[in-house]
Amino acid sequence: MARSFPVHNAFLSSILSASFIWGLVLGTALTGCAYSWGPGERAIPGGYKQVFIPVFKNYSMEPGIEVDFTNSLRLEFERSKVARLAGPETSEAEVLGEIMSVHYNPLVPNVGGTLPTGTVLASQYEIVLQVKVTLRRRSDLKVLWTSTFDNSRNYLAPQVTMAGVNSVDPLYNLSSRRQNIQQMSQNLMSQAYDRLSENF
């Protein structure tokens, strides 16, 4: 003769009911919510698929760096495939870049030592950059999006391995400075692309 377990059956029934209710709640939340798991599909404002990126305007006193910023932003678009780079005649929108300012601040001064009396030699510098990026529709030149990006980076002045603190001539310092600006252009334009292509 079979024995019944009413307590156990009731317990099992309550577990199944709770699981069913939670399944309904979770299913409704997943299908009715505007959010989705994982990164959303990226798009630029207006959903345009062909953009033109002219050479950045450079308002700083550092010549030639506009090429680094232009190439860095173009590379971000080429990698992402969010929009195809096109010429000015066929593009639907254009991304305009402006290098607003570049400043160099000497840091960590070294005074005296093996240097002539009263001489101050900076062994480290800070680069401070400000860049503005604007998305504009080409048909009527309406601004669809704009943002300003600031960044700073410290670098050591190239030094020779001799006693005391020694900084090499300005040509080497310029080369080191340009290498750091190129790396900053990649970081800043990666930030600019991320903000520009956020899917709101």
C-alpha atoms as a PDB file:
ATOM      1  CA  MET A   1       0.000   0.000   0.000  1.00  0.00           C
ATOM      2  CA  ALA A   2       1.422   3.363  -1.075  1.00  0.00           C
ATOM      3  CA  ARG A   3       2.156   5.878   1.640  1.00  0.00           C
ATOM      4  CA  SER A   4       1.434   9.576   1.061  1.00  0.00           C
ATOM      5  CA  PHE A   5       3.524  12.486   2.248  1.00  0.00           C
ATOM      6  CA  PRO A   6       1.186  15.502   2.330  1.00  0.00           C
ATOM      7  CA  VAL A   7       3.739  17.762   3.953  1.00  0.00           C
ATOM      8  CA  HIS A   8       6.407  17.020   1.381  1.00  0.00           C
ATOM      9  CA  ASN A   9       3.951  17.352  -1.492  1.00  0.00           C
ATOM     10  CA  ALA A  10       2.799  20.740  -0.250  1.00  0.00           C
ATOM     11  CA  PHE A  11       6.396  21.880   0.097  1.00  0.00           C
ATOM     12  CA  LEU A  12       7.232  20.743  -3.428  1.00  0.00           C
ATOM     13  CA  SER A  13       4.119  22.442  -4.784  1.00  0.00           C
ATOM     14  CA  SER A  14       5.059  25.749  -3.180  1.00  0.00           C
ATOM     15  CA  ILE A  15       8.569  25.588  -4.690  1.00  0.00           C
ATOM     16  CA  LEU A  16       7.168  24.941  -8.163  1.00  0.00           C
ATOM     17  CA  SER A  17       4.689  27.799  -7.810  1.00  0.00           C
ATOM     18  CA  ALA A  18       7.398  30.211  -6.681  1.00  0.00           C
ATOM     19  CA  SER A  19       9.647  29.163  -9.575  1.00  0.00           C
ATOM     20  CA  PHE A  20       6.826  29.700 -12.042  1.00  0.00           C
ATOM     21  CA  ILE A  21       6.072  33.176 -10.668  1.00  0.00           C
ATOM     22  CA  TRP A  22       9.743  34.197 -10.750  1.00  0.00           C
ATOM     23  CA  GLY A  23       9.979  32.909 -14.318  1.00  0.00           C
ATOM     24  CA  LEU A  24       7.066  35.112 -15.340  1.00  0.00           C
ATOM     25  CA  VAL A  25       8.565  38.165 -13.614  1.00  0.00           C
ATOM     26  CA  LEU A  26      11.983  37.631 -15.161  1.00  0.00           C
ATOM     27  CA  GLY A  27      10.547  36.990 -18.617  1.00  0.00           C
ATOM     28  CA  THR A  28       8.447  40.155 -18.450  1.00  0.00           C
ATOM     29  CA  ALA A  29      11.416  42.190 -17.282  1.00  0.00           C
ATOM     30  CA  LEU A  30      13.641  40.922 -20.071  1.00  0.00           C
ATOM     31  CA  THR A  31      11.121  41.403 -22.866  1.00  0.00           C
ATOM     32  CA  GLY A  32       9.515  44.630 -21.665  1.00  0.00           C
ATOM     33  CA  CYS A  33      12.638  46.536 -20.657  1.00  0.00           C
ATOM     34  CA  ALA A  34      14.415  48.885 -23.036  1.00  0.00           C
ATOM     35  CA  TYR A  35      17.821  47.638 -21.940  1.00  0.00           C
ATOM     36  CA  SER A  36      19.578  44.583 -23.262  1.00  0.00           C
ATOM     37  CA  TRP A  37      22.418  42.424 -22.014  1.00  0.00           C
ATOM     38  CA  GLY A  38      25.914  43.318 -23.261  1.00  0.00           C
ATOM     39  CA  PRO A  39      27.032  46.435 -25.143  1.00  0.00           C
ATOM     40  CA  GLY A  40      24.369  48.030 -27.294  1.00  0.00           C
ATOM     41  CA  GLU A  41      24.769  48.675 -30.989  1.00  0.00           C
ATOM     42  CA  ARG A  42      26.635  51.915 -31.554  1.00  0.00           C
ATOM     43  CA  ALA A  43      25.442  54.696 -33.829  1.00  0.00           C
ATOM     44  CA  ILE A  44      26.223  58.349 -34.349  1.00  0.00           C
ATOM     45  CA  PRO A  45      23.461  60.925 -33.768  1.00  0.00           C
ATOM     46  CA  GLY A  46      21.042  60.857 -36.689  1.00  0.00           C
ATOM     47  CA  GLY A  47      22.092  57.323 -37.621  1.00  0.00           C
ATOM     48  CA  TYR A  48      24.162  58.529 -40.579  1.00  0.00           C
ATOM     49  CA  LYS A  49      26.341  55.923 -42.247  1.00  0.00           C
ATOM     50  CA  GLN A  50      28.674  58.048 -44.380  1.00  0.00           C
ATOM     51  CA  VAL A  51      30.849  60.686 -42.707  1.00  0.00           C
ATOM     52  CA  PHE A  52      33.578  63.020 -43.827  1.00  0.00           C
ATOM     53  CA  ILE A  53      36.453  63.843 -41.464  1.00  0.00           C
ATOM     54  CA  PRO A  54      38.534  66.766 -42.743  1.00  0.00           C
ATOM     55  CA  VAL A  55      41.934  67.630 -41.297  1.00  0.00           C
ATOM     56  CA  PHE A  56      41.601  69.140 -37.835  1.00  0.00           C
ATOM     57  CA  LYS A  57      42.007  72.863 -37.370  1.00  0.00           C
ATOM     58  CA  ASN A  58      45.012  73.657 -35.210  1.00  0.00           C
ATOM     59  CA  TYR A  59      44.848  76.796 -33.068  1.00  0.00           C
ATOM     60  CA  SER A  60      47.875  75.847 -30.983  1.00  0.00           C
ATOM     61  CA  MET A  61      51.490  76.869 -31.451  1.00  0.00           C
ATOM     62  CA  GLU A  62      52.502  73.246 -32.098  1.00  0.00           C
ATOM     63  CA  PRO A  63      52.608  72.766 -35.895  1.00  0.00           C
ATOM     64  CA  GLY A  64      51.715  69.473 -37.534  1.00  0.00           C
ATOM     65  CA  ILE A  65      49.898  67.771 -34.664  1.00  0.00           C
ATOM     66  CA  GLU A  66      46.558  68.173 -36.447  1.00  0.00           C
ATOM     67  CA  VAL A  67      47.568  65.238 -38.666  1.00  0.00           C
ATOM     68  CA  ASP A  68      47.958  62.952 -35.636  1.00  0.00           C
ATOM     69  CA  PHE A  69      44.502  63.817 -34.316  1.00  0.00           C
ATOM     70  CA  THR A  70      42.832  63.491 -37.716  1.00  0.00           C
ATOM     71  CA  ASN A  71      44.391  60.093 -38.384  1.00  0.00           C
ATOM     72  CA  SER A  72      43.541  58.851 -34.882  1.00  0.00           C
ATOM     73  CA  LEU A  73      39.852  59.727 -35.253  1.00  0.00           C
ATOM     74  CA  ARG A  74      39.643  58.282 -38.764  1.00  0.00           C
ATOM     75  CA  LEU A  75      41.189  55.055 -37.492  1.00  0.00           C
ATOM     76  CA  GLU A  76      38.522  54.767 -34.788  1.00  0.00           C
ATOM     77  CA  PHE A  77      35.787  54.941 -37.444  1.00  0.00           C
ATOM     78  CA  GLU A  78      37.576  52.505 -39.738  1.00  0.00           C
ATOM     79  CA  ARG A  79      37.871  49.950 -36.932  1.00  0.00           C
ATOM     80  CA  SER A  80      34.291  50.264 -35.722  1.00  0.00           C
ATOM     81  CA  LYS A  81      32.368  50.221 -39.019  1.00  0.00           C
ATOM     82  CA  VAL A  82      29.683  52.399 -37.368  1.00  0.00           C
ATOM     83  CA  ALA A  83      29.910  54.716 -40.365  1.00  0.00           C
ATOM     84  CA  ARG A  84      31.917  54.619 -43.550  1.00  0.00           C
ATOM     85  CA  LEU A  85      34.441  57.355 -44.274  1.00  0.00           C
ATOM     86  CA  ALA A  86      33.460  59.218 -47.430  1.00  0.00           C
ATOM     87  CA  GLY A  87      34.415  62.308 -49.360  1.00  0.00           C
ATOM     88  CA  PRO A  88      32.729  65.688 -48.886  1.00  0.00           C
ATOM     89  CA  GLU A  89      30.503  65.187 -51.940  1.00  0.00           C
ATOM     90  CA  THR A  90      28.955  61.879 -50.861  1.00  0.00           C
ATOM     91  CA  SER A  91      28.956  62.131 -47.067  1.00  0.00           C
ATOM     92  CA  GLU A  92      25.788  62.706 -45.046  1.00  0.00           C
ATOM     93  CA  ALA A  93      27.558  64.238 -42.045  1.00  0.00           C
ATOM     94  CA  GLU A  94      30.995  65.531 -41.143  1.00  0.00           C
ATOM     95  CA  VAL A  95      33.069  65.302 -37.981  1.00  0.00           C
ATOM     96  CA  LEU A  96      35.039  68.484 -37.402  1.00  0.00           C
ATOM     97  CA  GLY A  97      37.989  68.598 -35.033  1.00  0.00           C
ATOM     98  CA  GLU A  98      39.692  71.600 -33.505  1.00  0.00           C
ATOM     99  CA  ILE A  99      42.855  71.604 -31.395  1.00  0.00           C
ATOM    100  CA  MET A 100      42.039  74.494 -29.102  1.00  0.00           C
ATOM    101  CA  SER A 101      45.263  74.681 -27.091  1.00  0.00           C
ATOM    102  CA  VAL A 102      48.480  72.920 -26.141  1.00  0.00           C
ATOM    103  CA  HIS A 103      50.411  74.006 -23.055  1.00  0.00           C
ATOM    104  CA  TYR A 104      53.716  72.825 -21.638  1.00  0.00           C
ATOM    105  CA  ASN A 105      54.383  73.195 -17.943  1.00  0.00           C
ATOM    106  CA  PRO A 106      57.876  72.495 -16.571  1.00  0.00           C
ATOM    107  CA  LEU A 107      57.837  70.241 -13.523  1.00  0.00           C
ATOM    108  CA  VAL A 108      60.356  68.990 -10.961  1.00  0.00           C
ATOM    109  CA  PRO A 109      62.977  71.744 -11.342  1.00  0.00           C
ATOM    110  CA  ASN A 110      66.523  70.919 -10.320  1.00  0.00           C
ATOM    111  CA  VAL A 111      68.456  73.857  -8.953  1.00  0.00           C
ATOM    112  CA  GLY A 112      72.200  74.160  -8.446  1.00  0.00           C
ATOM    113  CA  GLY A 113      74.238  70.981  -7.998  1.00  0.00           C
ATOM    114  CA  THR A 114      76.675  70.601 -10.868  1.00  0.00           C
ATOM    115  CA  LEU A 115      74.819  73.317 -12.822  1.00  0.00           C
ATOM    116  CA  PRO A 116      75.985  76.937 -12.942  1.00  0.00           C
ATOM    117  CA  THR A 117      74.787  79.058 -10.021  1.00  0.00           C
ATOM    118  CA  GLY A 118      71.220  80.283 -10.470  1.00  0.00           C
ATOM    119  CA  THR A 119      70.429  77.772 -13.217  1.00  0.00           C
ATOM    120  CA  VAL A 120      67.126  75.873 -13.095  1.00  0.00           C
ATOM    121  CA  LEU A 121      66.787  72.802 -15.289  1.00  0.00           C
ATOM    122  CA  ALA A 122      63.382  71.128 -15.695  1.00  0.00           C
ATOM    123  CA  SER A 123      63.696  67.362 -15.886  1.00  0.00           C
ATOM    124  CA  GLN A 124      59.961  66.708 -16.328  1.00  0.00           C
ATOM    125  CA  TYR A 125      57.179  68.415 -18.274  1.00  0.00           C
ATOM    126  CA  GLU A 126      53.383  68.338 -18.329  1.00  0.00           C
ATOM    127  CA  ILE A 127      51.503  68.557 -21.622  1.00  0.00           C
ATOM    128  CA  VAL A 128      47.957  69.930 -21.341  1.00  0.00           C
ATOM    129  CA  LEU A 129      45.707  69.530 -24.399  1.00  0.00           C
ATOM    130  CA  GLN A 130      42.196  70.699 -25.233  1.00  0.00           C
ATOM    131  CA  VAL A 131      40.374  69.417 -28.313  1.00  0.00           C
ATOM    132  CA  LYS A 132      36.861  70.083 -29.590  1.00  0.00           C
ATOM    133  CA  VAL A 133      34.940  67.617 -31.789  1.00  0.00           C
ATOM    134  CA  THR A 134      31.697  68.496 -33.592  1.00  0.00           C
ATOM    135  CA  LEU A 135      29.293  66.405 -35.681  1.00  0.00           C
ATOM    136  CA  ARG A 136      27.485  68.440 -38.326  1.00  0.00           C
ATOM    137  CA  ARG A 137      24.902  67.472 -40.934  1.00  0.00           C
ATOM    138  CA  ARG A 138      26.145  68.388 -44.394  1.00  0.00           C
ATOM    139  CA  SER A 139      22.805  69.192 -45.998  1.00  0.00           C
ATOM    140  CA  ASP A 140      22.061  72.213 -43.792  1.00  0.00           C
ATOM    141  CA  LEU A 141      25.226  72.421 -41.595  1.00  0.00           C
ATOM    142  CA  LYS A 142      23.164  71.801 -38.461  1.00  0.00           C
ATOM    143  CA  VAL A 143      25.270  70.839 -35.444  1.00  0.00           C
ATOM    144  CA  LEU A 144      24.084  67.457 -34.154  1.00  0.00           C
ATOM    145  CA  TRP A 145      26.643  66.917 -31.399  1.00  0.00           C
ATOM    146  CA  THR A 146      29.666  68.682 -29.925  1.00  0.00           C
ATOM    147  CA  SER A 147      31.989  68.087 -27.007  1.00  0.00           C
ATOM    148  CA  THR A 148      35.326  69.306 -25.635  1.00  0.00           C
ATOM    149  CA  PHE A 149      38.034  66.951 -24.404  1.00  0.00           C
ATOM    150  CA  ASP A 150      40.855  67.794 -22.035  1.00  0.00           C
ATOM    151  CA  ASN A 151      43.832  65.651 -21.187  1.00  0.00           C
ATOM    152  CA  SER A 152      47.246  65.997 -19.597  1.00  0.00           C
ATOM    153  CA  ARG A 153      50.346  63.859 -19.631  1.00  0.00           C
ATOM    154  CA  ASN A 154      53.720  64.064 -17.907  1.00  0.00           C
ATOM    155  CA  TYR A 155      56.961  63.064 -19.546  1.00  0.00           C
ATOM    156  CA  LEU A 156      60.613  63.097 -18.589  1.00  0.00           C
ATOM    157  CA  ALA A 157      62.970  65.303 -20.524  1.00  0.00           C
ATOM    158  CA  PRO A 158      65.553  63.136 -22.320  1.00  0.00           C
ATOM    159  CA  GLN A 159      68.713  63.017 -20.213  1.00  0.00           C
ATOM    160  CA  VAL A 160      72.274  61.832 -20.744  1.00  0.00           C
ATOM    161  CA  THR A 161      73.801  59.410 -18.269  1.00  0.00           C
ATOM    162  CA  MET A 162      76.386  61.635 -16.660  1.00  0.00           C
ATOM    163  CA  ALA A 163      76.872  62.862 -13.141  1.00  0.00           C
ATOM    164  CA  GLY A 164      74.256  65.375 -12.043  1.00  0.00           C
ATOM    165  CA  VAL A 165      71.081  66.207 -13.896  1.00  0.00           C
ATOM    166  CA  ASN A 166      71.601  66.820 -17.582  1.00  0.00           C
ATOM    167  CA  SER A 167      69.018  67.535 -20.249  1.00  0.00           C
ATOM    168  CA  VAL A 168      69.872  67.068 -23.902  1.00  0.00           C
ATOM    169  CA  ASP A 169      69.360  69.720 -26.565  1.00  0.00           C
ATOM    170  CA  PRO A 170      65.894  71.024 -27.617  1.00  0.00           C
ATOM    171  CA  LEU A 171      65.751  68.813 -30.718  1.00  0.00           C
ATOM    172  CA  TYR A 172      65.605  65.664 -28.597  1.00  0.00           C
ATOM    173  CA  ASN A 173      63.096  67.281 -26.268  1.00  0.00           C
ATOM    174  CA  LEU A 174      60.892  68.169 -29.262  1.00  0.00           C
ATOM    175  CA  SER A 175      60.993  64.567 -30.473  1.00  0.00           C
ATOM    176  CA  SER A 176      59.938  63.257 -27.058  1.00  0.00           C
ATOM    177  CA  ARG A 177      57.205  65.863 -26.832  1.00  0.00           C
ATOM    178  CA  ARG A 178      55.774  64.920 -30.230  1.00  0.00           C
ATOM    179  CA  GLN A 179      55.751  61.213 -29.359  1.00  0.00           C
ATOM    180  CA  ASN A 180      53.726  61.966 -26.243  1.00  0.00           C
ATOM    181  CA  ILE A 181      51.291  64.181 -28.165  1.00  0.00           C
ATOM    182  CA  GLN A 182      50.774  61.373 -30.677  1.00  0.00           C
ATOM    183  CA  GLN A 183      49.866  58.972 -27.867  1.00  0.00           C
ATOM    184  CA  MET A 184      47.546  61.590 -26.387  1.00  0.00           C
ATOM    185  CA  SER A 185      45.827  61.992 -29.758  1.00  0.00           C
ATOM    186  CA  GLN A 186      45.033  58.267 -29.805  1.00  0.00           C
ATOM    187  CA  ASN A 187      43.611  58.336 -26.265  1.00  0.00           C
ATOM    188  CA  LEU A 188      41.572  61.507 -26.783  1.00  0.00           C
ATOM    189  CA  MET A 189      40.123  60.425 -30.120  1.00  0.00           C
ATOM    190  CA  SER A 190      39.180  57.053 -28.645  1.00  0.00           C
ATOM    191  CA  GLN A 191      37.237  58.948 -25.958  1.00  0.00           C
ATOM    192  CA  ALA A 192      35.693  61.232 -28.572  1.00  0.00           C
ATOM    193  CA  TYR A 193      34.551  58.290 -30.686  1.00  0.00           C
ATOM    194  CA  ASP A 194      33.071  56.500 -27.667  1.00  0.00           C
ATOM    195  CA  ARG A 195      30.985  59.530 -26.721  1.00  0.00           C
ATOM    196  CA  LEU A 196      30.001  60.337 -30.277  1.00  0.00           C
ATOM    197  CA  SER A 197      28.801  56.812 -31.033  1.00  0.00           C
ATOM    198  CA  GLU A 198      26.902  56.155 -27.803  1.00  0.00           C
ATOM    199  CA  ASN A 199      23.462  54.781 -28.567  1.00  0.00           C
ATOM    200  CA  PHE A 200      21.097  56.791 -26.381  1.00  0.00           C
END
